[in-house]
C-alpha cells in the first residue's frame, strides 16, 4: 500500500510567527510537530484551559492552561537577516557531500538541506 506521508518544512525548535488566526503576529518556538495531522504546537500560542479532576492517587485538580496545536499553514518561519528578524518561505536544495564508511573508504552522496527562500542561505 502506498504511503501518503508528508514532510513539513517546520521542525521542532524553529522560531515561527503566526500569520493567521486569533494569535496573528505572535512569535514563538515550536514545541512539537504533529506531521500526520499537519499541525504544530507553538510556545505561548493558542492557549486553552482544561479543567481536571482530583485523582484518587492524590493528584491535585484544577484548571490547567496549555498550548493547543495550530495548522502548519498558519505559521511562517522566522530567520535572522543581518540582525533583523524576518519571515520566509522554506525551499530545499540537494548538496553533494563525501561520506566515510566505517572501513575508511569514502563515497559521494547527496544531502537535502532547508534553504530560506528570501535569503538563499541554509537554515
Protein backbone atom coordinates (compact mmCIF):
# COMPACT_ATOMS: atom_id res chain seq x y z
CA UNK A 1 0.00 0.00 0.00
CA UNK A 2 1.33 3.45 -0.92
CA UNK A 3 2.20 5.82 1.89
CA UNK A 4 0.81 9.34 1.93
CA UNK A 5 3.40 10.55 4.43
CA UNK A 6 4.04 14.24 4.02
CA UNK A 7 7.08 16.06 5.32
CA UNK A 8 6.78 19.54 6.77
CA UNK A 9 9.18 22.44 6.37
CA UNK A 10 8.77 23.45 10.01
CA UNK A 11 10.73 21.49 12.62
CA UNK A 12 10.87 21.28 16.39
CA UNK A 13 12.88 24.18 17.82
CA UNK A 14 12.24 26.56 14.89
CA UNK A 15 11.26 30.17 15.62
CA UNK A 16 7.94 30.89 13.85
CA UNK A 17 5.46 33.73 13.51
CA UNK A 18 1.69 33.19 13.43
CA UNK A 19 0.29 34.70 10.21
CA UNK A 20 -3.41 33.88 10.64
CA UNK A 21 -5.94 33.36 13.42
CA UNK A 22 -6.57 34.83 16.84
CA UNK A 23 -2.86 34.93 17.74
CA UNK A 24 -1.78 36.61 14.48
CA UNK A 25 1.60 38.36 14.81
CA UNK A 26 2.80 36.37 17.82
CA UNK A 27 6.26 34.77 17.60
CA UNK A 28 7.21 31.60 19.42
CA UNK A 29 9.31 28.46 19.39
CA UNK A 30 7.90 25.19 18.01
CA UNK A 31 7.49 22.74 20.89
CA UNK A 32 6.18 19.78 18.89
CA UNK A 33 5.41 18.88 15.27
CA UNK A 34 2.42 16.62 14.55
CA UNK A 35 3.27 15.70 10.94
CA UNK A 36 0.44 13.19 10.44
CA UNK A 37 -2.12 15.91 11.32
CA UNK A 38 -0.13 18.76 9.67
CA UNK A 39 -0.14 20.74 12.92
CA UNK A 40 2.42 22.32 15.20
CA UNK A 41 2.39 23.32 18.86
CA UNK A 42 3.96 26.76 19.37
CA UNK A 43 5.08 28.13 22.74
CA UNK A 44 2.60 30.74 24.02
CA UNK A 45 0.19 30.42 21.08
CA UNK A 46 -3.40 29.06 21.02
CA UNK A 47 -3.58 28.58 24.78
CA UNK A 48 -6.53 26.57 26.09
CA UNK A 49 -7.78 25.78 29.59
CA UNK A 50 -8.59 22.26 30.74
CA UNK A 51 -10.47 21.51 33.95
CA UNK A 52 -9.01 18.45 35.65
CA UNK A 53 -10.47 16.38 38.43
CA UNK A 54 -8.52 15.45 41.53
CA UNK A 55 -7.37 11.85 41.29
CA UNK A 56 -7.68 9.04 43.81
CA UNK A 57 -3.88 8.75 43.82
CA UNK A 58 -3.54 12.22 45.37
CA UNK A 59 -3.08 14.29 42.21
CA UNK A 60 -4.48 17.77 42.58
CA UNK A 61 -7.35 19.01 40.42
CA UNK A 62 -7.75 22.46 38.96
CA UNK A 63 -7.55 24.47 35.76
CA UNK A 64 -4.53 23.77 33.55
CA UNK A 65 -3.55 26.16 30.75
CA UNK A 66 -1.54 24.70 27.86
CA UNK A 67 -0.89 25.19 24.15
CA UNK A 68 -3.13 23.53 21.57
CA UNK A 69 -1.99 22.60 18.05
CA UNK A 70 -2.46 25.00 15.13
CA UNK A 71 -2.28 24.21 11.42
CA UNK A 72 1.17 24.48 9.88
CA UNK A 73 -0.15 26.80 7.13
CA UNK A 74 -0.88 29.43 9.80
CA UNK A 75 2.78 29.84 10.76
CA UNK A 76 5.83 31.12 8.91
CA UNK A 77 9.49 30.52 9.68
CA UNK A 78 11.45 33.43 11.18
CA UNK A 79 15.10 33.87 10.13
CA UNK A 80 17.73 36.37 11.21
CA UNK A 81 18.99 38.58 8.36
CA UNK A 82 21.84 40.88 9.44
CA UNK A 83 20.42 41.21 12.96
CA UNK A 84 16.87 41.83 11.69
CA UNK A 85 14.22 39.12 12.08
CA UNK A 86 12.08 38.44 9.01
CA UNK A 87 9.66 35.72 7.89
CA UNK A 88 10.47 33.49 4.95
CA UNK A 89 9.24 30.52 2.99
CA UNK A 90 11.30 27.34 3.04
CA UNK A 91 12.70 25.62 -0.04
CA UNK A 92 15.01 22.62 -0.29
CA UNK A 93 18.34 22.08 -2.03
CA UNK A 94 20.38 18.92 -2.64
CA UNK A 95 24.09 19.29 -1.83
CA UNK A 96 26.81 16.85 -2.89
CA UNK A 97 28.76 15.52 0.09
CA UNK A 98 31.50 12.97 0.68
CA UNK A 99 30.63 10.37 3.30
CA UNK A 100 33.02 8.00 5.07
CA UNK A 101 32.36 4.34 5.76
CA UNK A 102 33.50 2.60 8.95
CA UNK A 103 36.18 0.71 6.97
CA UNK A 104 37.81 4.03 5.96
CA UNK A 105 36.61 4.23 2.35
CA UNK A 106 34.52 7.18 1.18
CA UNK A 107 31.72 7.71 -1.33
CA UNK A 108 29.77 10.57 -2.92
CA UNK A 109 26.18 11.15 -1.79
CA UNK A 110 23.58 13.91 -1.66
CA UNK A 111 22.13 15.65 1.37
CA UNK A 112 18.88 17.61 1.45
CA UNK A 113 19.08 20.97 3.23
CA UNK A 114 16.44 23.56 4.10
CA UNK A 115 17.05 26.93 2.48
CA UNK A 116 15.49 30.32 3.16
CA UNK A 117 13.67 31.43 0.00
CA UNK A 118 14.24 35.08 0.89
CA UNK A 119 17.99 34.97 1.55
CA UNK A 120 19.11 31.76 -0.17
CA UNK A 121 21.04 30.73 2.94
CA UNK A 122 20.87 27.35 4.65
CA UNK A 123 18.64 27.21 7.71
